C-alpha atoms as a PDB file:
ATOM      1  CA  MET A   1      18.854  26.996  67.616  1.00  0.00           C
ATOM      2  CA  ASP A   2      17.093  23.661  67.567  1.00  0.00           C
ATOM      3  CA  PRO A   3      18.076  21.740  64.381  1.00  0.00           C
ATOM      4  CA  ILE A   4      14.480  20.774  63.774  1.00  0.00           C
ATOM      5  CA  VAL A   5      13.360  24.387  63.884  1.00  0.00           C
ATOM      6  CA  THR A   6      16.234  25.409  61.631  1.00  0.00           C
ATOM      7  CA  SER A   7      15.305  22.748  59.073  1.00  0.00           C
ATOM      8  CA  THR A   8      11.655  23.733  59.159  1.00  0.00           C
ATOM      9  CA  VAL A   9      12.473  27.417  58.646  1.00  0.00           C
ATOM     10  CA  CYS A  10      14.844  26.622  55.772  1.00  0.00           C
ATOM     11  CA  VAL A  11      12.364  24.343  53.995  1.00  0.00           C
ATOM     12  CA  GLY A  12       9.550  26.828  54.540  1.00  0.00           C
ATOM     13  CA  GLY A  13      11.706  29.662  53.220  1.00  0.00           C
ATOM     14  CA  ILE A  14      12.648  27.702  50.123  1.00  0.00           C
ATOM     15  CA  GLY A  15       8.986  26.895  49.575  1.00  0.00           C
ATOM     16  CA  CYS A  16       8.005  30.559  49.833  1.00  0.00           C
ATOM     17  CA  LEU A  17      10.753  31.656  47.450  1.00  0.00           C
ATOM     18  CA  SER A  18       9.742  28.940  44.963  1.00  0.00           C
ATOM     19  CA  ALA A  19       6.121  30.043  45.143  1.00  0.00           C
ATOM     20  CA  VAL A  20       7.122  33.647  44.474  1.00  0.00           C
ATOM     21  CA  ALA A  21       9.334  32.563  41.551  1.00  0.00           C
ATOM     22  CA  LEU A  22       6.520  30.498  40.024  1.00  0.00           C
ATOM     23  CA  ALA A  23       4.076  33.386  40.411  1.00  0.00           C
ATOM     24  CA  VAL A  24       6.481  35.771  38.688  1.00  0.00           C
ATOM     25  CA  ALA A  25       7.124  33.253  35.892  1.00  0.00           C
ATOM     26  CA  ASP A  26       3.413  32.732  35.384  1.00  0.00           C
ATOM     27  CA  ARG A  27       2.889  36.478  35.201  1.00  0.00           C
ATOM     28  CA  PHE A  28       5.695  37.365  32.807  1.00  0.00           C
ATOM     29  CA  LEU A  29       6.712  34.161  30.994  1.00  0.00           C
ATOM     30  CA  SER A  30       3.467  32.274  30.370  1.00  0.00           C
ATOM     31  CA  VAL A  31       2.191  31.967  26.799  1.00  0.00           C
ATOM     32  CA  LYS A  32      -1.501  32.658  26.491  1.00  0.00           C
ATOM     33  CA  GLU A  33      -3.370  30.176  24.294  1.00  0.00           C
ATOM     34  CA  ASP A  34      -6.071  31.392  21.977  1.00  0.00           C
ATOM     35  CA  PRO A  35      -9.328  30.236  23.617  1.00  0.00           C
ATOM     36  CA  ARG A  36     -10.703  29.385  20.191  1.00  0.00           C
ATOM     37  CA  ILE A  37      -8.307  26.413  20.010  1.00  0.00           C
ATOM     38  CA  GLY A  38     -10.151  24.765  22.880  1.00  0.00           C
ATOM     39  CA  GLN A  39     -13.498  25.607  21.314  1.00  0.00           C
ATOM     40  CA  VAL A  40     -12.530  24.036  17.988  1.00  0.00           C
ATOM     41  CA  THR A  41     -11.075  20.989  19.749  1.00  0.00           C
ATOM     42  CA  GLU A  42     -14.425  20.455  21.440  1.00  0.00           C
ATOM     43  CA  LEU A  43     -16.194  20.573  18.072  1.00  0.00           C
ATOM     44  CA  LEU A  44     -13.934  17.901  16.574  1.00  0.00           C
ATOM     45  CA  PRO A  45     -15.009  14.261  17.089  1.00  0.00           C
ATOM     46  CA  GLY A  46     -11.984  13.324  19.208  1.00  0.00           C
ATOM     47  CA  ALA A  47     -11.064  10.279  17.121  1.00  0.00           C
ATOM     48  CA  ASN A  48      -7.404  11.377  16.969  1.00  0.00           C
ATOM     49  CA  CYS A  49      -7.091   9.230  13.837  1.00  0.00           C
ATOM     50  CA  GLY A  50      -4.487  11.413  12.140  1.00  0.00           C
ATOM     51  CA  GLY A  51      -6.405  11.406   8.872  1.00  0.00           C
ATOM     52  CA  CYS A  52      -6.250  15.204   8.772  1.00  0.00           C
ATOM     53  CA  GLY A  53      -2.464  15.057   8.585  1.00  0.00           C
ATOM     54  CA  TYR A  54      -1.925  16.296  12.144  1.00  0.00           C
ATOM     55  CA  ALA A  55      -0.971  14.477  15.331  1.00  0.00           C
ATOM     56  CA  GLY A  56      -4.501  14.569  16.712  1.00  0.00           C
ATOM     57  CA  CYS A  57      -7.634  16.660  17.086  1.00  0.00           C
ATOM     58  CA  ALA A  58      -6.001  19.223  19.383  1.00  0.00           C
ATOM     59  CA  ASP A  59      -3.094  19.688  16.984  1.00  0.00           C
ATOM     60  CA  TYR A  60      -5.482  20.081  14.049  1.00  0.00           C
ATOM     61  CA  ALA A  61      -7.541  22.607  16.013  1.00  0.00           C
ATOM     62  CA  LYS A  62      -4.398  24.636  16.680  1.00  0.00           C
ATOM     63  CA  ALA A  63      -3.509  24.532  12.982  1.00  0.00           C
ATOM     64  CA  ILE A  64      -6.977  25.750  12.068  1.00  0.00           C
ATOM     65  CA  VAL A  65      -6.953  28.664  14.498  1.00  0.00           C
ATOM     66  CA  THR A  66      -3.331  29.787  14.282  1.00  0.00           C
ATOM     67  CA  GLY A  67      -2.199  28.431  10.926  1.00  0.00           C
ATOM     68  CA  GLY A  68      -5.269  28.896   8.777  1.00  0.00           C
ATOM     69  CA  ALA A  69      -5.585  25.192   7.956  1.00  0.00           C
ATOM     70  CA  GLU A  70      -8.568  24.128   5.875  1.00  0.00           C
ATOM     71  CA  LEU A  71     -11.689  23.109   7.781  1.00  0.00           C
ATOM     72  CA  THR A  72     -12.444  20.109   5.565  1.00  0.00           C
ATOM     73  CA  HIS A  73      -9.647  17.747   6.621  1.00  0.00           C
ATOM     74  CA  CYS A  74     -11.602  15.945   9.356  1.00  0.00           C
ATOM     75  CA  ALA A  75     -12.913  12.790   7.695  1.00  0.00           C
ATOM     76  CA  PRO A  76     -14.810  11.453  10.753  1.00  0.00           C
ATOM     77  CA  GLY A  77     -16.591  14.761  11.301  1.00  0.00           C
ATOM     78  CA  GLY A  78     -17.401  15.436   7.680  1.00  0.00           C
ATOM     79  CA  ALA A  79     -19.468  18.391   6.542  1.00  0.00           C
ATOM     80  CA  ALA A  80     -21.307  18.812   9.856  1.00  0.00           C
ATOM     81  CA  VAL A  81     -18.112  19.409  11.831  1.00  0.00           C
ATOM     82  CA  ALA A  82     -16.656  21.667   9.144  1.00  0.00           C
ATOM     83  CA  GLU A  83     -19.800  23.810   9.218  1.00  0.00           C
ATOM     84  CA  ALA A  84     -19.746  23.978  13.013  1.00  0.00           C
ATOM     85  CA  ILE A  85     -16.111  25.116  13.050  1.00  0.00           C
ATOM     86  CA  ALA A  86     -16.797  27.626  10.289  1.00  0.00           C
ATOM     87  CA  LYS A  87     -19.646  29.108  12.323  1.00  0.00           C
ATOM     88  CA  CYS A  88     -17.423  29.274  15.408  1.00  0.00           C
ATOM     89  CA  LEU A  89     -14.611  31.070  13.597  1.00  0.00           C
ATOM     90  CA  GLY A  90     -16.651  33.057  11.121  1.00  0.00           C
ATOM     91  CA  ARG A  91     -15.037  31.369   8.145  1.00  0.00           C
ATOM     92  CA  SER A  92     -16.267  29.507   5.082  1.00  0.00           C
ATOM     93  CA  ALA A  93     -16.326  25.735   5.484  1.00  0.00           C
ATOM     94  CA  GLY A  94     -15.927  24.786   1.841  1.00  0.00           C
ATOM     95  CA  SER A  95     -17.234  21.565   0.334  1.00  0.00           C
ATOM     96  CA  VAL A  96     -16.668  18.196   1.996  1.00  0.00           C
ATOM     97  CA  GLU A  97     -17.057  14.869   0.219  1.00  0.00           C
ATOM     98  CA  LYS A  98     -17.050  11.762   2.364  1.00  0.00           C
ATOM     99  CA  ARG A  99     -14.516   9.165   1.310  1.00  0.00           C
ATOM    100  CA  VAL A 100     -14.241   5.533   2.345  1.00  0.00           C
ATOM    101  CA  ALA A 101     -11.589   2.853   1.979  1.00  0.00           C
ATOM    102  CA  VAL A 102     -11.844   0.334  -0.850  1.00  0.00           C
ATOM    103  CA  VAL A 103      -9.718  -2.827  -0.964  1.00  0.00           C
ATOM    104  CA  LEU A 104      -8.786  -3.261  -4.624  1.00  0.00           C
ATOM    105  CA  CYS A 105      -8.672  -7.043  -4.566  1.00  0.00           C
ATOM    106  CA  GLY A 106     -11.372  -9.693  -4.901  1.00  0.00           C
ATOM    107  CA  GLY A 107      -9.184 -12.746  -4.491  1.00  0.00           C
ATOM    108  CA  ASP A 108     -10.216 -14.469  -1.281  1.00  0.00           C
ATOM    109  CA  ARG A 109      -9.059 -17.986  -0.451  1.00  0.00           C
ATOM    110  CA  SER A 110     -11.722 -19.555  -2.651  1.00  0.00           C
ATOM    111  CA  GLU A 111     -10.606 -17.540  -5.696  1.00  0.00           C
ATOM    112  CA  ALA A 112      -6.861 -16.976  -5.304  1.00  0.00           C
ATOM    113  CA  ILE A 113      -4.227 -19.674  -4.901  1.00  0.00           C
ATOM    114  CA  ARG A 114      -1.587 -19.725  -2.169  1.00  0.00           C
ATOM    115  CA  ARG A 115       1.965 -20.647  -3.109  1.00  0.00           C
ATOM    116  CA  PHE A 116       2.902 -22.031   0.298  1.00  0.00           C
ATOM    117  CA  ALA A 117       1.691 -22.257   3.893  1.00  0.00           C
ATOM    118  CA  TYR A 118       2.758 -19.163   5.794  1.00  0.00           C
ATOM    119  CA  ASN A 119       3.285 -19.770   9.512  1.00  0.00           C
ATOM    120  CA  GLY A 120       4.934 -16.515  10.524  1.00  0.00           C
ATOM    121  CA  ILE A 121       3.722 -13.405  12.331  1.00  0.00           C
ATOM    122  CA  THR A 122       0.117 -12.502  11.596  1.00  0.00           C
ATOM    123  CA  ASP A 123       1.066  -9.297   9.862  1.00  0.00           C
ATOM    124  CA  CYS A 124       0.836  -8.345   6.200  1.00  0.00           C
ATOM    125  CA  ALA A 125       4.230  -6.651   6.050  1.00  0.00           C
ATOM    126  CA  ALA A 126       5.910  -9.683   7.615  1.00  0.00           C
ATOM    127  CA  ALA A 127       4.100 -12.043   5.248  1.00  0.00           C
ATOM    128  CA  ASN A 128       5.010  -9.886   2.253  1.00  0.00           C
ATOM    129  CA  ALA A 129       8.668  -9.938   3.299  1.00  0.00           C
ATOM    130  CA  THR A 130       8.645 -13.744   3.394  1.00  0.00           C
ATOM    131  CA  ALA A 131       9.477 -14.846  -0.149  1.00  0.00           C
ATOM    132  CA  GLY A 132       7.220 -12.103  -1.512  1.00  0.00           C
ATOM    133  CA  GLY A 133       4.146 -13.387   0.310  1.00  0.00           C
ATOM    134  CA  ASP A 134       2.269 -16.662   0.184  1.00  0.00           C
ATOM    135  CA  LYS A 135      -0.380 -15.479  -2.254  1.00  0.00           C
ATOM    136  CA  GLY A 136      -0.044 -16.547  -5.883  1.00  0.00           C
ATOM    137  CA  CYS A 137      -0.840 -13.016  -7.035  1.00  0.00           C
ATOM    138  CA  ALA A 138       2.026 -10.688  -6.167  1.00  0.00           C
ATOM    139  CA  TYR A 139      -0.381  -7.738  -6.060  1.00  0.00           C
ATOM    140  CA  GLY A 140      -3.310  -9.137  -4.069  1.00  0.00           C
ATOM    141  CA  CYS A 141      -4.491  -8.778  -0.484  1.00  0.00           C
ATOM    142  CA  LEU A 142      -2.548 -11.034   1.872  1.00  0.00           C
ATOM    143  CA  GLY A 143      -5.367 -11.049   4.393  1.00  0.00           C
ATOM    144  CA  TYR A 144      -3.416 -10.999   7.659  1.00  0.00           C
ATOM    145  CA  GLY A 145      -5.308  -8.045   9.087  1.00  0.00           C
ATOM    146  CA  SER A 146      -2.758  -5.261   9.457  1.00  0.00           C
ATOM    147  CA  CYS A 147      -5.324  -2.830   8.062  1.00  0.00           C
ATOM    148  CA  ALA A 148      -8.021  -4.080  10.419  1.00  0.00           C
ATOM    149  CA  ARG A 149      -5.793  -3.606  13.453  1.00  0.00           C
ATOM    150  CA  VAL A 150      -5.015   0.040  12.707  1.00  0.00           C
ATOM    151  CA  CYS A 151      -8.611   0.987  11.891  1.00  0.00           C
ATOM    152  CA  PRO A 152      -9.769   3.207  14.792  1.00  0.00           C
ATOM    153  CA  VAL A 153     -13.451   2.355  14.316  1.00  0.00           C
ATOM    154  CA  GLY A 154     -13.337  -1.340  13.438  1.00  0.00           C
ATOM    155  CA  ALA A 155     -14.595  -0.830   9.886  1.00  0.00           C
ATOM    156  CA  ILE A 156     -12.380  -3.551   8.381  1.00  0.00           C
ATOM    157  CA  ARG A 157     -12.795  -7.296   8.837  1.00  0.00           C
ATOM    158  CA  ILE A 158     -10.989 -10.269   7.324  1.00  0.00           C
ATOM    159  CA  GLU A 159     -13.269 -12.721   5.546  1.00  0.00           C
ATOM    160  CA  ASN A 160     -11.841 -15.880   3.994  1.00  0.00           C
ATOM    161  CA  GLY A 161      -8.394 -14.332   3.737  1.00  0.00           C
ATOM    162  CA  LEU A 162      -9.530 -11.022   2.271  1.00  0.00           C
ATOM    163  CA  ALA A 163      -9.902  -7.591   3.875  1.00  0.00           C
ATOM    164  CA  LYS A 164     -13.353  -6.058   3.501  1.00  0.00           C
ATOM    165  CA  VAL A 165     -14.543  -2.588   4.476  1.00  0.00           C
ATOM    166  CA  ASP A 166     -17.880  -1.661   6.013  1.00  0.00           C
ATOM    167  CA  LYS A 167     -18.634   1.614   4.240  1.00  0.00           C
ATOM    168  CA  ALA A 168     -21.252   2.576   6.802  1.00  0.00           C
ATOM    169  CA  VAL A 169     -18.628   2.507   9.562  1.00  0.00           C
ATOM    170  CA  CYS A 170     -15.508   3.708   7.706  1.00  0.00           C
ATOM    171  CA  ILE A 171     -14.488   7.285   8.520  1.00  0.00           C
ATOM    172  CA  GLY A 172     -11.972   7.637   5.683  1.00  0.00           C
ATOM    173  CA  CYS A 173      -9.000   8.381   7.932  1.00  0.00           C
ATOM    174  CA  GLY A 174      -6.566   6.639   5.584  1.00  0.00           C
ATOM    175  CA  LYS A 175      -4.653   4.679   8.218  1.00  0.00           C
ATOM    176  CA  CYS A 176      -5.323   1.422   6.378  1.00  0.00           C
ATOM    177  CA  THR A 177      -3.981   2.834   3.112  1.00  0.00           C
ATOM    178  CA  ALA A 178      -0.682   3.660   4.798  1.00  0.00           C
ATOM    179  CA  VAL A 179      -0.191   0.306   6.511  1.00  0.00           C
ATOM    180  CA  CYS A 180      -0.963  -1.951   3.526  1.00  0.00           C
ATOM    181  CA  PRO A 181       2.416  -3.201   2.205  1.00  0.00           C
ATOM    182  CA  ARG A 182       0.990  -3.706  -1.284  1.00  0.00           C
ATOM    183  CA  LYS A 183      -0.749  -0.311  -1.415  1.00  0.00           C
ATOM    184  CA  LEU A 184      -4.004  -1.741  -2.730  1.00  0.00           C
ATOM    185  CA  ILE A 185      -6.334   0.091  -0.363  1.00  0.00           C
ATOM    186  CA  LYS A 186      -7.556   3.404  -1.744  1.00  0.00           C
ATOM    187  CA  LEU A 187      -9.924   6.119  -0.548  1.00  0.00           C
ATOM    188  CA  ALA A 188     -12.863   6.619  -2.873  1.00  0.00           C
ATOM    189  CA  PRO A 189     -15.950   8.847  -2.758  1.00  0.00           C
ATOM    190  CA  ALA A 190     -18.615   7.179  -0.631  1.00  0.00           C
ATOM    191  CA  SER A 191     -21.149   7.967  -3.341  1.00  0.00           C
ATOM    192  CA  GLU A 192     -19.377   5.672  -5.813  1.00  0.00           C
ATOM    193  CA  THR A 193     -20.671   2.091  -5.723  1.00  0.00           C
ATOM    194  CA  ILE A 194     -18.936   0.415  -8.672  1.00  0.00           C
ATOM    195  CA  HIS A 195     -15.296  -0.583  -8.213  1.00  0.00           C
ATOM    196  CA  ILE A 196     -12.624  -2.602  -9.980  1.00  0.00           C
ATOM    197  CA  LEU A 197     -11.339  -4.992  -7.342  1.00  0.00           C
ATOM    198  CA  CYS A 198      -8.021  -5.947  -8.855  1.00  0.00           C
ATOM    199  CA  SER A 199      -4.515  -4.483  -8.648  1.00  0.00           C
ATOM    200  CA  SER A 200      -2.577  -6.974 -10.756  1.00  0.00           C
ATOM    201  CA  LYS A 201      -0.404  -5.525 -13.488  1.00  0.00           C
ATOM    202  CA  ASP A 202       0.215  -8.935 -15.061  1.00  0.00           C
ATOM    203  CA  LYS A 203      -1.147 -10.024 -18.417  1.00  0.00           C
ATOM    204  CA  GLY A 204      -4.497 -11.786 -18.564  1.00  0.00           C
ATOM    205  CA  PRO A 205      -3.207 -15.393 -18.864  1.00  0.00           C
ATOM    206  CA  ALA A 206      -0.929 -14.924 -15.849  1.00  0.00           C
ATOM    207  CA  VAL A 207      -3.783 -13.445 -13.830  1.00  0.00           C
ATOM    208  CA  LYS A 208      -6.107 -16.365 -14.620  1.00  0.00           C
ATOM    209  CA  LYS A 209      -3.515 -18.865 -13.381  1.00  0.00           C
ATOM    210  CA  VAL A 210      -3.553 -17.463  -9.864  1.00  0.00           C
ATOM    211  CA  CYS A 211      -6.995 -15.885  -9.352  1.00  0.00           C
ATOM    212  CA  GLY A 212     -10.577 -16.379 -10.470  1.00  0.00           C
ATOM    213  CA  LYS A 213     -11.384 -12.679 -10.065  1.00  0.00           C
ATOM    214  CA  GLY A 214      -8.807 -10.557 -11.820  1.00  0.00           C
ATOM    215  CA  CYS A 215      -8.489  -7.975 -14.550  1.00  0.00           C
ATOM    216  CA  LEU A 216      -7.550  -9.502 -17.909  1.00  0.00           C
ATOM    217  CA  GLY A 217      -6.705  -6.192 -19.538  1.00  0.00           C
ATOM    218  CA  CYS A 218      -9.272  -6.776 -22.276  1.00  0.00           C
ATOM    219  CA  ARG A 219     -10.529  -3.154 -22.242  1.00  0.00           C
ATOM    220  CA  LEU A 220     -14.114  -4.355 -22.726  1.00  0.00           C
ATOM    221  CA  CYS A 221     -15.205  -2.374 -19.674  1.00  0.00           C
ATOM    222  CA  THR A 222     -14.246   0.928 -21.274  1.00  0.00           C
ATOM    223  CA  LYS A 223     -16.833   0.335 -24.002  1.00  0.00           C
ATOM    224  CA  PHE A 224     -19.723   0.120 -21.541  1.00  0.00           C
ATOM    225  CA  ALA A 225     -18.631   2.504 -18.795  1.00  0.00           C
ATOM    226  CA  ASP A 226     -19.273   6.226 -18.535  1.00  0.00           C
ATOM    227  CA  GLU A 227     -16.658   8.237 -20.392  1.00  0.00           C
ATOM    228  CA  GLY A 228     -13.471   8.651 -18.379  1.00  0.00           C
ATOM    229  CA  SER A 229     -14.675   6.534 -15.433  1.00  0.00           C
ATOM    230  CA  ILE A 230     -12.378   3.624 -16.314  1.00  0.00           C
ATOM    231  CA  VAL A 231      -8.846   3.909 -17.658  1.00  0.00           C
ATOM    232  CA  VAL A 232      -6.535   1.073 -18.656  1.00  0.00           C
ATOM    233  CA  ASN A 233      -2.895   1.325 -17.618  1.00  0.00           C
ATOM    234  CA  GLY A 234      -0.938  -1.445 -19.282  1.00  0.00           C
ATOM    235  CA  PHE A 235      -2.949  -4.591 -18.548  1.00  0.00           C
ATOM    236  CA  LEU A 236      -4.933  -3.194 -15.622  1.00  0.00           C
ATOM    237  CA  ALA A 237      -8.252  -1.373 -15.749  1.00  0.00           C
ATOM    238  CA  GLU A 238      -8.592   1.228 -13.013  1.00  0.00           C
ATOM    239  CA  ARG A 239     -11.411   3.429 -11.767  1.00  0.00           C
ATOM    240  CA  ASP A 240     -10.971   7.139 -12.164  1.00  0.00           C
ATOM    241  CA  TYR A 241     -13.164   8.377  -9.335  1.00  0.00           C
ATOM    242  CA  ALA A 242     -13.069  11.914 -10.704  1.00  0.00           C
ATOM    243  CA  HIS A 243     -15.604  10.635 -13.249  1.00  0.00           C
ATOM    244  CA  PRO A 244     -18.778   8.934 -11.909  1.00  0.00           C
ATOM    245  CA  LEU A 245     -19.566   5.415 -13.083  1.00  0.00           C
ATOM    246  CA  THR A 246     -23.321   4.846 -13.289  1.00  0.00           C
ATOM    247  CA  LYS A 247     -23.701   2.257 -16.066  1.00  0.00           C
ATOM    248  CA  GLU A 248     -24.163  -0.944 -14.097  1.00  0.00           C
ATOM    249  CA  GLU A 249     -24.022  -3.178 -17.179  1.00  0.00           C
ATOM    250  CA  VAL A 250     -20.238  -2.888 -16.987  1.00  0.00           C
ATOM    251  CA  VAL A 251     -20.352  -5.252 -13.994  1.00  0.00           C
ATOM    252  CA  ALA A 252     -21.968  -8.089 -15.957  1.00  0.00           C
ATOM    253  CA  LYS A 253     -19.793  -7.515 -19.029  1.00  0.00           C
ATOM    254  CA  CYS A 254     -16.466  -7.970 -17.194  1.00  0.00           C
ATOM    255  CA  PRO A 255     -15.029 -11.394 -18.176  1.00  0.00           C
ATOM    256  CA  GLY A 256     -12.611 -11.304 -15.265  1.00  0.00           C
ATOM    257  CA  HIS A 257     -15.456 -10.821 -12.737  1.00  0.00           C
ATOM    258  CA  CYS A 258     -13.449  -8.168 -10.935  1.00  0.00           C
ATOM    259  CA  ILE A 259     -15.854  -5.241 -11.417  1.00  0.00           C
ATOM    260  CA  THR A 260     -18.394  -5.222  -8.604  1.00  0.00           C
ATOM    261  CA  LYS A 261     -21.216  -3.091  -7.292  1.00  0.00           C
ATOM    262  CA  ASP A 262     -21.736  -2.468  -3.594  1.00  0.00           C
ATOM    263  CA  ALA A 263     -24.662  -4.356  -2.172  1.00  0.00           C
END
């Protein structure tokens, strides 16, 4: 027989057998996916930010449908998406409170001193690993933009050496909180407008030597604030966002000028 014909017959036969094998495998070995997973995935915003604790929107959708995950973990989608998914699955959405990132530092380059000129990689972790960072305050924002680079929606900008968050854009995914080497970015309820922008645990005199906007640990704020809204741990006053802070006079009374109200 002609070698060409033989080769053609052999290749064709192998192709036919492979097609039959694939058809059999598809019939008996395939795993059927719950169609609701695709429906829920379509309802999610598609940001794939990971703020829900899953690898992406598709993974979260699978966890909702097959694992009974809560519907309120999607920060970008908020209450509207949770309600839509609840309607799709016939479940209760639960309450959703929007949260946004807050940088707990007010020491930009005009307020906080720098111990030396850092000329390394433009990365906060790298700067922090270089002699503990160039900033005089060992707790303050280094301002090299690591948080801004991981933000999926561009809600963070660096102004005069300090990271600032645009609350109107922030989706509360939490990526910035994870990447900050000094852990001074927190997620707070979007409804809260008064914050203590300081993370220094040093005593007042030490704080004043390195920054013009820092907590002095004087406890004066607790006298003017709503009960429970501000707690003092050591020498640092901190917001307890479980308790609303509505008394704006606390901003003017702070001698360290670190309590601010959103514009």
